[in-house]
């Protein structure tokens, strides 16, 4: 059994909802001064039936959406059915009773996290899903921290939306100076093809303290909030038309330390005022003497 095919299918579930190449949603990025980047992807699968069937143990409808190649789809389905009968991961699959209960949602979330560990190292660092680079270089490491499905319980044929939240942790080589964080949506390397039109994704970035956003590319609308004192983080938000292969980037660098400049100016002004006062008092004493 090639577990990587199963893992690749489940990874697409994490990073792109069935039925849309990149679903409308939010990608929240938070970068620390050490180069650690937290990524939270939040989006809605507008028709949750295929996911509910998978949670209940029937992966066929989900694979029909995710994999266009008939032979590959049949092979992957056979591998999943074999996995269901194995003692190691068989307990993570639903019971196919037509209803998704909370425990089956939890098991499905655990199944994804376990299977993604079997993928090649570059699967989360640019080999599929959301590709992120810092100054042209991929992250040195990436980990799927969690994936959750809200509003997923109910009949497996229910078409009610499912809210999907995925948390990932990236680590970049990060030094002083200016930086360029670039992102591209690209699922082609997984061999899977969700299909569908591009959607608008809202991307937000929080930079480390004492940095300011200096520009962006590939966003239709943007909003930037740099700390006026130059000590805190910057906030960037942009709408991104996430067609496969369509890239966008955000540039940022050290901010001007306005707070320190103000303090230095205040100290200098106080010193000048003190000197003038001292001279005035000296003259007054001289005149009185």
C-alpha atoms as a PDB file:
ATOM      1  CA  UNK A   1       0.000   0.000   0.000  1.00  0.00           C
ATOM      2  CA  UNK A   2       1.399   3.426  -0.990  1.00  0.00           C
ATOM      3  CA  UNK A   3       0.283   5.565   1.932  1.00  0.00           C
ATOM      4  CA  UNK A   4       1.671   8.680   0.262  1.00  0.00           C
ATOM      5  CA  UNK A   5      -1.210   8.743  -2.219  1.00  0.00           C
ATOM      6  CA  UNK A   6      -3.669   8.738   0.657  1.00  0.00           C
ATOM      7  CA  UNK A   7      -1.682  11.413   2.461  1.00  0.00           C
ATOM      8  CA  UNK A   8      -1.543  13.586  -0.657  1.00  0.00           C
ATOM      9  CA  UNK A   9      -5.313  13.408  -1.026  1.00  0.00           C
ATOM     10  CA  UNK A  10      -5.791  14.349   2.616  1.00  0.00           C
ATOM     11  CA  UNK A  11      -3.281  17.183   2.303  1.00  0.00           C
ATOM     12  CA  UNK A  12      -5.411  18.712  -0.429  1.00  0.00           C
ATOM     13  CA  UNK A  13      -8.317  18.588   2.015  1.00  0.00           C
ATOM     14  CA  UNK A  14      -6.194  20.624   4.440  1.00  0.00           C
ATOM     15  CA  UNK A  15      -5.090  23.261   1.958  1.00  0.00           C
ATOM     16  CA  UNK A  16      -7.872  23.440  -0.628  1.00  0.00           C
ATOM     17  CA  UNK A  17     -11.498  22.546  -0.128  1.00  0.00           C
ATOM     18  CA  UNK A  18     -13.107  20.127  -2.584  1.00  0.00           C
ATOM     19  CA  UNK A  19     -14.666  21.809  -5.586  1.00  0.00           C
ATOM     20  CA  UNK A  20     -12.425  24.875  -5.708  1.00  0.00           C
ATOM     21  CA  UNK A  21      -8.798  25.205  -6.732  1.00  0.00           C
ATOM     22  CA  UNK A  22      -8.312  27.700  -3.909  1.00  0.00           C
ATOM     23  CA  UNK A  23     -11.433  28.437  -1.872  1.00  0.00           C
ATOM     24  CA  UNK A  24     -12.409  31.862  -0.641  1.00  0.00           C
ATOM     25  CA  UNK A  25     -11.180  32.374   2.878  1.00  0.00           C
ATOM     26  CA  UNK A  26      -8.404  33.804   5.007  1.00  0.00           C
ATOM     27  CA  UNK A  27      -4.700  33.101   5.296  1.00  0.00           C
ATOM     28  CA  UNK A  28      -3.317  34.626   8.482  1.00  0.00           C
ATOM     29  CA  UNK A  29       0.471  34.882   8.761  1.00  0.00           C
ATOM     30  CA  UNK A  30       2.370  35.834  11.925  1.00  0.00           C
ATOM     31  CA  UNK A  31       6.167  36.153  11.699  1.00  0.00           C
ATOM     32  CA  UNK A  32       8.482  36.308  14.701  1.00  0.00           C
ATOM     33  CA  UNK A  33      11.945  37.850  14.931  1.00  0.00           C
ATOM     34  CA  UNK A  34      13.432  34.339  14.910  1.00  0.00           C
ATOM     35  CA  UNK A  35      11.973  33.523  11.485  1.00  0.00           C
ATOM     36  CA  UNK A  36       9.155  31.333  12.810  1.00  0.00           C
ATOM     37  CA  UNK A  37       6.028  31.832  10.726  1.00  0.00           C
ATOM     38  CA  UNK A  38       2.652  30.728  11.990  1.00  0.00           C
ATOM     39  CA  UNK A  39       0.111  30.104   9.226  1.00  0.00           C
ATOM     40  CA  UNK A  40      -3.608  29.739   9.808  1.00  0.00           C
ATOM     41  CA  UNK A  41      -5.767  28.912   6.776  1.00  0.00           C
ATOM     42  CA  UNK A  42      -9.514  29.344   7.295  1.00  0.00           C
ATOM     43  CA  UNK A  43     -12.034  28.633   4.550  1.00  0.00           C
ATOM     44  CA  UNK A  44     -15.421  27.093   3.902  1.00  0.00           C
ATOM     45  CA  UNK A  45     -16.226  24.063   1.793  1.00  0.00           C
ATOM     46  CA  UNK A  46     -19.587  25.232   0.396  1.00  0.00           C
ATOM     47  CA  UNK A  47     -20.796  21.663  -0.200  1.00  0.00           C
ATOM     48  CA  UNK A  48     -19.630  19.463   2.650  1.00  0.00           C
ATOM     49  CA  UNK A  49     -21.142  16.207   1.428  1.00  0.00           C
ATOM     50  CA  UNK A  50     -17.931  14.704   0.000  1.00  0.00           C
ATOM     51  CA  UNK A  51     -16.057  15.429   3.221  1.00  0.00           C
ATOM     52  CA  UNK A  52     -18.865  14.000   5.360  1.00  0.00           C
ATOM     53  CA  UNK A  53     -18.852  10.775   3.350  1.00  0.00           C
ATOM     54  CA  UNK A  54     -15.082  10.487   3.970  1.00  0.00           C
ATOM     55  CA  UNK A  55     -15.518  11.128   7.682  1.00  0.00           C
ATOM     56  CA  UNK A  56     -18.092   8.354   7.752  1.00  0.00           C
ATOM     57  CA  UNK A  57     -15.611   6.008   6.046  1.00  0.00           C
ATOM     58  CA  UNK A  58     -16.647   6.300   2.387  1.00  0.00           C
ATOM     59  CA  UNK A  59     -13.840   8.092   0.508  1.00  0.00           C
ATOM     60  CA  UNK A  60     -15.187   7.502  -2.987  1.00  0.00           C
ATOM     61  CA  UNK A  61     -17.154  10.801  -3.339  1.00  0.00           C
ATOM     62  CA  UNK A  62     -14.162  12.798  -2.042  1.00  0.00           C
ATOM     63  CA  UNK A  63     -11.721  11.153  -4.438  1.00  0.00           C
ATOM     64  CA  UNK A  64     -14.160  11.743  -7.317  1.00  0.00           C
ATOM     65  CA  UNK A  65     -13.747  15.470  -6.606  1.00  0.00           C
ATOM     66  CA  UNK A  66     -10.014  15.518  -5.883  1.00  0.00           C
ATOM     67  CA  UNK A  67      -8.513  13.144  -8.466  1.00  0.00           C
ATOM     68  CA  UNK A  68      -9.349  13.495 -12.153  1.00  0.00           C
ATOM     69  CA  UNK A  69      -7.345  10.482 -13.370  1.00  0.00           C
ATOM     70  CA  UNK A  70      -9.655   7.437 -13.281  1.00  0.00           C
ATOM     71  CA  UNK A  71      -6.882   4.907 -12.813  1.00  0.00           C
ATOM     72  CA  UNK A  72      -5.198   6.889 -10.036  1.00  0.00           C
ATOM     73  CA  UNK A  73      -8.543   7.427  -8.332  1.00  0.00           C
ATOM     74  CA  UNK A  74      -9.300   3.696  -8.356  1.00  0.00           C
ATOM     75  CA  UNK A  75      -5.815   2.853  -7.068  1.00  0.00           C
ATOM     76  CA  UNK A  76      -6.009   5.386  -4.242  1.00  0.00           C
ATOM     77  CA  UNK A  77      -9.465   4.172  -3.240  1.00  0.00           C
ATOM     78  CA  UNK A  78      -8.230   0.585  -3.113  1.00  0.00           C
ATOM     79  CA  UNK A  79      -5.305   1.661  -0.943  1.00  0.00           C
ATOM     80  CA  UNK A  80      -7.622   3.472   1.447  1.00  0.00           C
ATOM     81  CA  UNK A  81      -9.885   0.444   1.714  1.00  0.00           C
ATOM     82  CA  UNK A  82      -6.837  -1.677   2.510  1.00  0.00           C
ATOM     83  CA  UNK A  83      -5.762   0.839   5.144  1.00  0.00           C
ATOM     84  CA  UNK A  84      -9.185   0.609   6.782  1.00  0.00           C
ATOM     85  CA  UNK A  85      -8.564  -3.074   7.511  1.00  0.00           C
ATOM     86  CA  UNK A  86      -5.102  -2.579   9.020  1.00  0.00           C
ATOM     87  CA  UNK A  87      -4.739  -2.607  12.819  1.00  0.00           C
ATOM     88  CA  UNK A  88      -2.501   0.481  12.859  1.00  0.00           C
ATOM     89  CA  UNK A  89      -4.737   3.114  11.256  1.00  0.00           C
ATOM     90  CA  UNK A  90      -7.980   1.223  10.715  1.00  0.00           C
ATOM     91  CA  UNK A  91      -9.430   2.729  13.872  1.00  0.00           C
ATOM     92  CA  UNK A  92      -9.233   6.238  12.394  1.00  0.00           C
ATOM     93  CA  UNK A  93     -11.949   5.523   9.795  1.00  0.00           C
ATOM     94  CA  UNK A  94     -15.706   6.013  10.167  1.00  0.00           C
ATOM     95  CA  UNK A  95     -18.241   3.216  10.403  1.00  0.00           C
ATOM     96  CA  UNK A  96     -20.233   3.985   7.217  1.00  0.00           C
ATOM     97  CA  UNK A  97     -23.580   4.162   8.981  1.00  0.00           C
ATOM     98  CA  UNK A  98     -24.720   7.230   7.022  1.00  0.00           C
ATOM     99  CA  UNK A  99     -24.306   9.706   9.874  1.00  0.00           C
ATOM    100  CA  UNK A 100     -21.217  11.678  10.918  1.00  0.00           C
ATOM    101  CA  UNK A 101     -20.877  12.043  14.681  1.00  0.00           C
ATOM    102  CA  UNK A 102     -18.425  14.208  16.635  1.00  0.00           C
ATOM    103  CA  UNK A 103     -16.065  11.310  17.355  1.00  0.00           C
ATOM    104  CA  UNK A 104     -15.760  10.537  13.624  1.00  0.00           C
ATOM    105  CA  UNK A 105     -14.848  14.179  12.924  1.00  0.00           C
ATOM    106  CA  UNK A 106     -12.094  13.945  15.542  1.00  0.00           C
ATOM    107  CA  UNK A 107     -10.833  10.666  14.083  1.00  0.00           C
ATOM    108  CA  UNK A 108     -10.752  12.183  10.590  1.00  0.00           C
ATOM    109  CA  UNK A 109      -8.734  15.135  11.866  1.00  0.00           C
ATOM    110  CA  UNK A 110      -6.291  12.729  13.513  1.00  0.00           C
ATOM    111  CA  UNK A 111      -6.086  10.626  10.338  1.00  0.00           C
ATOM    112  CA  UNK A 112      -5.043  13.664   8.326  1.00  0.00           C
ATOM    113  CA  UNK A 113      -2.360  14.660  10.803  1.00  0.00           C
ATOM    114  CA  UNK A 114      -0.976  11.120  10.907  1.00  0.00           C
ATOM    115  CA  UNK A 115      -0.979  10.598   7.132  1.00  0.00           C
ATOM    116  CA  UNK A 116       0.571  13.961   6.249  1.00  0.00           C
ATOM    117  CA  UNK A 117       3.658  12.891   8.219  1.00  0.00           C
ATOM    118  CA  UNK A 118       4.229  10.245   5.518  1.00  0.00           C
ATOM    119  CA  UNK A 119       4.587  12.797   2.735  1.00  0.00           C
ATOM    120  CA  UNK A 120       7.982  13.947   1.394  1.00  0.00           C
ATOM    121  CA  UNK A 121       9.512  16.856   3.370  1.00  0.00           C
ATOM    122  CA  UNK A 122       8.820  19.390   0.595  1.00  0.00           C
ATOM    123  CA  UNK A 123       5.069  18.736   0.598  1.00  0.00           C
ATOM    124  CA  UNK A 124       4.504  21.578   3.063  1.00  0.00           C
ATOM    125  CA  UNK A 125       7.535  23.660   2.114  1.00  0.00           C
ATOM    126  CA  UNK A 126       6.581  24.304  -1.500  1.00  0.00           C
ATOM    127  CA  UNK A 127       5.846  20.947  -3.057  1.00  0.00           C
ATOM    128  CA  UNK A 128       2.106  21.450  -2.874  1.00  0.00           C
ATOM    129  CA  UNK A 129      -0.629  23.650  -1.504  1.00  0.00           C
ATOM    130  CA  UNK A 130       0.523  27.098  -0.435  1.00  0.00           C
ATOM    131  CA  UNK A 131       4.120  27.734  -1.409  1.00  0.00           C
ATOM    132  CA  UNK A 132       5.894  30.258   0.819  1.00  0.00           C
ATOM    133  CA  UNK A 133       9.376  31.666   0.356  1.00  0.00           C
ATOM    134  CA  UNK A 134      11.405  34.262   2.221  1.00  0.00           C
ATOM    135  CA  UNK A 135      13.842  36.223   0.049  1.00  0.00           C
ATOM    136  CA  UNK A 136      13.529  33.515  -2.585  1.00  0.00           C
ATOM    137  CA  UNK A 137      14.279  30.599  -0.253  1.00  0.00           C
ATOM    138  CA  UNK A 138      11.784  28.019   1.036  1.00  0.00           C
ATOM    139  CA  UNK A 139      11.370  27.372   4.750  1.00  0.00           C
ATOM    140  CA  UNK A 140      13.864  25.076   6.425  1.00  0.00           C
ATOM    141  CA  UNK A 141      11.028  23.162   8.053  1.00  0.00           C
ATOM    142  CA  UNK A 142       7.240  22.993   8.055  1.00  0.00           C
ATOM    143  CA  UNK A 143       4.760  21.139  10.224  1.00  0.00           C
ATOM    144  CA  UNK A 144       1.024  20.651  10.171  1.00  0.00           C
ATOM    145  CA  UNK A 145      -0.041  21.523  13.707  1.00  0.00           C
ATOM    146  CA  UNK A 146      -3.763  20.904  13.436  1.00  0.00           C
ATOM    147  CA  UNK A 147      -6.755  20.713  11.130  1.00  0.00           C
ATOM    148  CA  UNK A 148     -10.336  21.072  12.297  1.00  0.00           C
ATOM    149  CA  UNK A 149     -13.758  20.810  10.709  1.00  0.00           C
ATOM    150  CA  UNK A 150     -16.648  22.805  12.171  1.00  0.00           C
ATOM    151  CA  UNK A 151     -20.329  22.046  11.485  1.00  0.00           C
ATOM    152  CA  UNK A 152     -19.423  18.653  10.023  1.00  0.00           C
ATOM    153  CA  UNK A 153     -21.750  16.375  11.973  1.00  0.00           C
ATOM    154  CA  UNK A 154     -25.012  15.122  10.489  1.00  0.00           C
ATOM    155  CA  UNK A 155     -26.112  12.920   7.578  1.00  0.00           C
ATOM    156  CA  UNK A 156     -23.225  12.161   5.224  1.00  0.00           C
ATOM    157  CA  UNK A 157     -25.275  13.324   2.226  1.00  0.00           C
ATOM    158  CA  UNK A 158     -25.832  16.756   3.782  1.00  0.00           C
ATOM    159  CA  UNK A 159     -24.626  19.601   1.557  1.00  0.00           C
ATOM    160  CA  UNK A 160     -24.331  22.068   4.457  1.00  0.00           C
ATOM    161  CA  UNK A 161     -21.024  24.015   4.431  1.00  0.00           C
ATOM    162  CA  UNK A 162     -18.081  22.897   6.551  1.00  0.00           C
ATOM    163  CA  UNK A 163     -15.659  25.428   8.023  1.00  0.00           C
ATOM    164  CA  UNK A 164     -12.076  24.157   7.758  1.00  0.00           C
ATOM    165  CA  UNK A 165      -9.207  25.584   9.808  1.00  0.00           C
ATOM    166  CA  UNK A 166      -5.617  24.488   9.269  1.00  0.00           C
ATOM    167  CA  UNK A 167      -2.666  25.580  11.410  1.00  0.00           C
ATOM    168  CA  UNK A 168       0.909  25.177  10.188  1.00  0.00           C
ATOM    169  CA  UNK A 169       4.323  26.181  11.520  1.00  0.00           C
ATOM    170  CA  UNK A 170       7.154  27.237   9.191  1.00  0.00           C
ATOM    171  CA  UNK A 171      10.745  28.126  10.012  1.00  0.00           C
ATOM    172  CA  UNK A 172      12.848  30.410   7.812  1.00  0.00           C
ATOM    173  CA  UNK A 173      16.483  31.446   7.893  1.00  0.00           C
ATOM    174  CA  UNK A 174      15.951  35.000   9.063  1.00  0.00           C
ATOM    175  CA  UNK A 175      18.459  37.784   9.561  1.00  0.00           C
ATOM    176  CA  UNK A 176      18.538  41.535   9.812  1.00  0.00           C
ATOM    177  CA  UNK A 177      17.655  43.874   6.960  1.00  0.00           C
ATOM    178  CA  UNK A 178      14.797  43.944   4.481  1.00  0.00           C
ATOM    179  CA  UNK A 179      12.819  40.862   3.456  1.00  0.00           C
ATOM    180  CA  UNK A 180      10.354  39.680   0.828  1.00  0.00           C
ATOM    181  CA  UNK A 181       7.716  37.126   1.794  1.00  0.00           C
ATOM    182  CA  UNK A 182       6.167  35.551  -1.310  1.00  0.00           C
ATOM    183  CA  UNK A 183       3.287  33.101  -1.611  1.00  0.00           C
ATOM    184  CA  UNK A 184       1.900  31.042  -4.475  1.00  0.00           C
ATOM    185  CA  UNK A 185      -0.988  28.591  -4.557  1.00  0.00           C
ATOM    186  CA  UNK A 186       0.012  25.481  -6.455  1.00  0.00           C
ATOM    187  CA  UNK A 187      -1.555  22.041  -6.054  1.00  0.00           C
ATOM    188  CA  UNK A 188      -0.305  20.621  -9.347  1.00  0.00           C
ATOM    189  CA  UNK A 189       2.650  18.748  -7.846  1.00  0.00           C
ATOM    190  CA  UNK A 190       0.376  16.547  -5.717  1.00  0.00           C
ATOM    191  CA  UNK A 191      -1.075  14.903  -8.819  1.00  0.00           C
ATOM    192  CA  UNK A 192      -4.525  15.956  -7.700  1.00  0.00           C
ATOM    193  CA  UNK A 193      -6.784  18.463  -9.409  1.00  0.00           C
ATOM    194  CA  UNK A 194      -9.672  19.939  -7.416  1.00  0.00           C
ATOM    195  CA  UNK A 195     -10.563  22.151 -10.384  1.00  0.00           C
ATOM    196  CA  UNK A 196     -12.896  25.130 -10.267  1.00  0.00           C
ATOM    197  CA  UNK A 197     -12.363  28.866 -10.555  1.00  0.00           C
ATOM    198  CA  UNK A 198      -9.964  30.967  -8.551  1.00  0.00           C
ATOM    199  CA  UNK A 199     -11.304  32.695  -5.481  1.00  0.00           C
ATOM    200  CA  UNK A 200     -10.382  35.797  -3.580  1.00  0.00           C
ATOM    201  CA  UNK A 201      -8.345  35.009  -0.485  1.00  0.00           C
ATOM    202  CA  UNK A 202      -7.777  37.603   2.238  1.00  0.00           C
ATOM    203  CA  UNK A 203      -4.146  37.436   3.334  1.00  0.00           C
ATOM    204  CA  UNK A 204      -3.022  39.107   6.546  1.00  0.00           C
ATOM    205  CA  UNK A 205       0.531  39.399   7.854  1.00  0.00           C
ATOM    206  CA  UNK A 206       1.831  40.504  11.235  1.00  0.00           C
ATOM    207  CA  UNK A 207       5.545  41.330  11.084  1.00  0.00           C
ATOM    208  CA  UNK A 208       8.048  41.228  13.967  1.00  0.00           C
ATOM    209  CA  UNK A 209       8.498  44.197  16.275  1.00  0.00           C
ATOM    210  CA  UNK A 210      10.406  47.205  14.935  1.00  0.00           C
ATOM    211  CA  UNK A 211       9.589  46.416  11.296  1.00  0.00           C
ATOM    212  CA  UNK A 212       7.416  48.166   8.728  1.00  0.00           C
ATOM    213  CA  UNK A 213       5.705  46.963   5.564  1.00  0.00           C
ATOM    214  CA  UNK A 214       7.255  48.786   2.609  1.00  0.00           C
ATOM    215  CA  UNK A 215       5.295  47.386  -0.341  1.00  0.00           C
ATOM    216  CA  UNK A 216       3.325  44.528  -1.869  1.00  0.00           C
ATOM    217  CA  UNK A 217       2.619  42.898  -5.231  1.00  0.00           C
ATOM    218  CA  UNK A 218      -0.193  40.740  -6.576  1.00  0.00           C
ATOM    219  CA  UNK A 219      -2.983  41.994  -4.293  1.00  0.00           C
ATOM    220  CA  UNK A 220      -6.083  43.743  -5.605  1.00  0.00           C
ATOM    221  CA  UNK A 221      -6.714  45.768  -2.461  1.00  0.00           C
ATOM    222  CA  UNK A 222      -4.387  46.363   0.456  1.00  0.00           C
ATOM    223  CA  UNK A 223      -4.333  47.930   3.882  1.00  0.00           C
ATOM    224  CA  UNK A 224      -1.121  48.622   5.805  1.00  0.00           C
ATOM    225  CA  UNK A 225      -0.715  49.754   9.387  1.00  0.00           C
ATOM    226  CA  UNK A 226       2.843  50.456  10.513  1.00  0.00           C
ATOM    227  CA  UNK A 227       3.581  51.359  14.119  1.00  0.00           C
ATOM    228  CA  UNK A 228       4.033  55.174  14.112  1.00  0.00           C
ATOM    229  CA  UNK A 229       6.630  54.879  16.890  1.00  0.00           C
ATOM    230  CA  UNK A 230       8.644  52.253  14.991  1.00  0.00           C
ATOM    231  CA  UNK A 231       8.809  49.831  17.922  1.00  0.00           C
ATOM    232  CA  UNK A 232       5.867  47.463  17.394  1.00  0.00           C
ATOM    233  CA  UNK A 233       4.826  45.125  14.583  1.00  0.00           C
ATOM    234  CA  UNK A 234       3.238  46.102  11.280  1.00  0.00           C
ATOM    235  CA  UNK A 235      -0.098  44.789  10.024  1.00  0.00           C
ATOM    236  CA  UNK A 236      -0.812  44.083   6.351  1.00  0.00           C
ATOM    237  CA  UNK A 237      -4.039  42.879   4.767  1.00  0.00           C
ATOM    238  CA  UNK A 238      -4.624  42.240   1.089  1.00  0.00           C
ATOM    239  CA  UNK A 239      -7.142  40.550  -1.211  1.00  0.00           C
ATOM    240  CA  UNK A 240      -5.463  37.974  -3.401  1.00  0.00           C
ATOM    241  CA  UNK A 241      -6.959  36.388  -6.516  1.00  0.00           C
ATOM    242  CA  UNK A 242      -5.648  32.909  -5.853  1.00  0.00           C
ATOM    243  CA  UNK A 243      -5.471  31.302  -9.281  1.00  0.00           C
ATOM    244  CA  UNK A 244      -3.072  28.321  -9.329  1.00  0.00           C
ATOM    245  CA  UNK A 245       0.435  29.626  -9.985  1.00  0.00           C
ATOM    246  CA  UNK A 246      -0.567  33.233  -9.317  1.00  0.00           C
ATOM    247  CA  UNK A 247       1.949  34.752  -6.918  1.00  0.00           C
ATOM    248  CA  UNK A 248       1.893  37.640  -4.494  1.00  0.00           C
ATOM    249  CA  UNK A 249       4.478  39.124  -2.178  1.00  0.00           C
ATOM    250  CA  UNK A 250       4.898  41.481   0.769  1.00  0.00           C
ATOM    251  CA  UNK A 251       8.094  43.416   1.473  1.00  0.00           C
ATOM    252  CA  UNK A 252       9.099  44.716   4.881  1.00  0.00           C
ATOM    253  CA  UNK A 253      12.164  45.856   6.757  1.00  0.00           C
ATOM    254  CA  UNK A 254      13.444  47.728   9.806  1.00  0.00           C
ATOM    255  CA  UNK A 255      11.216  50.626  10.756  1.00  0.00           C
ATOM    256  CA  UNK A 256      12.492  54.088  11.629  1.00  0.00           C
ATOM    257  CA  UNK A 257      12.727  54.254  15.453  1.00  0.00           C
ATOM    258  CA  UNK A 258      10.539  57.325  15.835  1.00  0.00           C
ATOM    259  CA  UNK A 259      10.093  56.732  19.571  1.00  0.00           C
ATOM    260  CA  UNK A 260      13.842  56.756  20.172  1.00  0.00           C
ATOM    261  CA  UNK A 261      14.238  59.819  17.984  1.00  0.00           C
ATOM    262  CA  UNK A 262      11.552  61.622  19.959  1.00  0.00           C
ATOM    263  CA  UNK A 263      13.257  60.640  23.215  1.00  0.00           C
ATOM    264  CA  UNK A 264      16.617  61.900  21.950  1.00  0.00           C
ATOM    265  CA  UNK A 265      15.039  65.145  20.779  1.00  0.00           C
ATOM    266  CA  UNK A 266      13.343  65.556  24.150  1.00  0.00           C
ATOM    267  CA  UNK A 267      16.615  64.898  25.963  1.00  0.00           C
ATOM    268  CA  UNK A 268      18.421  67.368  23.730  1.00  0.00           C
ATOM    269  CA  UNK A 269      15.694  69.988  24.222  1.00  0.00           C
ATOM    270  CA  UNK A 270      15.835  69.491  27.977  1.00  0.00           C
ATOM    271  CA  UNK A 271      19.607  69.869  27.928  1.00  0.00           C
ATOM    272  CA  UNK A 272      19.386  73.097  25.914  1.00  0.00           C
ATOM    273  CA  UNK A 273      16.674  74.450  28.226  1.00  0.00           C
ATOM    274  CA  UNK A 274      18.755  73.541  31.266  1.00  0.00           C
ATOM    275  CA  UNK A 275      21.806  75.261  29.798  1.00  0.00           C
ATOM    276  CA  UNK A 276      19.839  78.408  28.995  1.00  0.00           C
ATOM    277  CA  UNK A 277      18.348  78.468  32.484  1.00  0.00           C
ATOM    278  CA  UNK A 278      21.775  78.017  34.015  1.00  0.00           C
ATOM    279  CA  UNK A 279      23.170  80.919  31.948  1.00  0.00           C
ATOM    280  CA  UNK A 280      20.232  83.134  32.899  1.00  0.00           C
ATOM    281  CA  UNK A 281      20.716  82.441  36.588  1.00  0.00           C
ATOM    282  CA  UNK A 282      24.452  83.038  36.283  1.00  0.00           C
ATOM    283  CA  UNK A 283      23.868  86.395  34.639  1.00  0.00           C
ATOM    284  CA  UNK A 284      21.328  87.325  37.290  1.00  0.00           C
ATOM    285  CA  UNK A 285      23.760  86.491  40.083  1.00  0.00           C
ATOM    286  CA  UNK A 286      26.471  88.471  38.329  1.00  0.00           C
ATOM    287  CA  UNK A 287      24.192  91.468  38.001  1.00  0.00           C
ATOM    288  CA  UNK A 288      23.158  91.289  41.662  1.00  0.00           C
ATOM    289  CA  UNK A 289      26.784  91.068  42.746  1.00  0.00           C
END
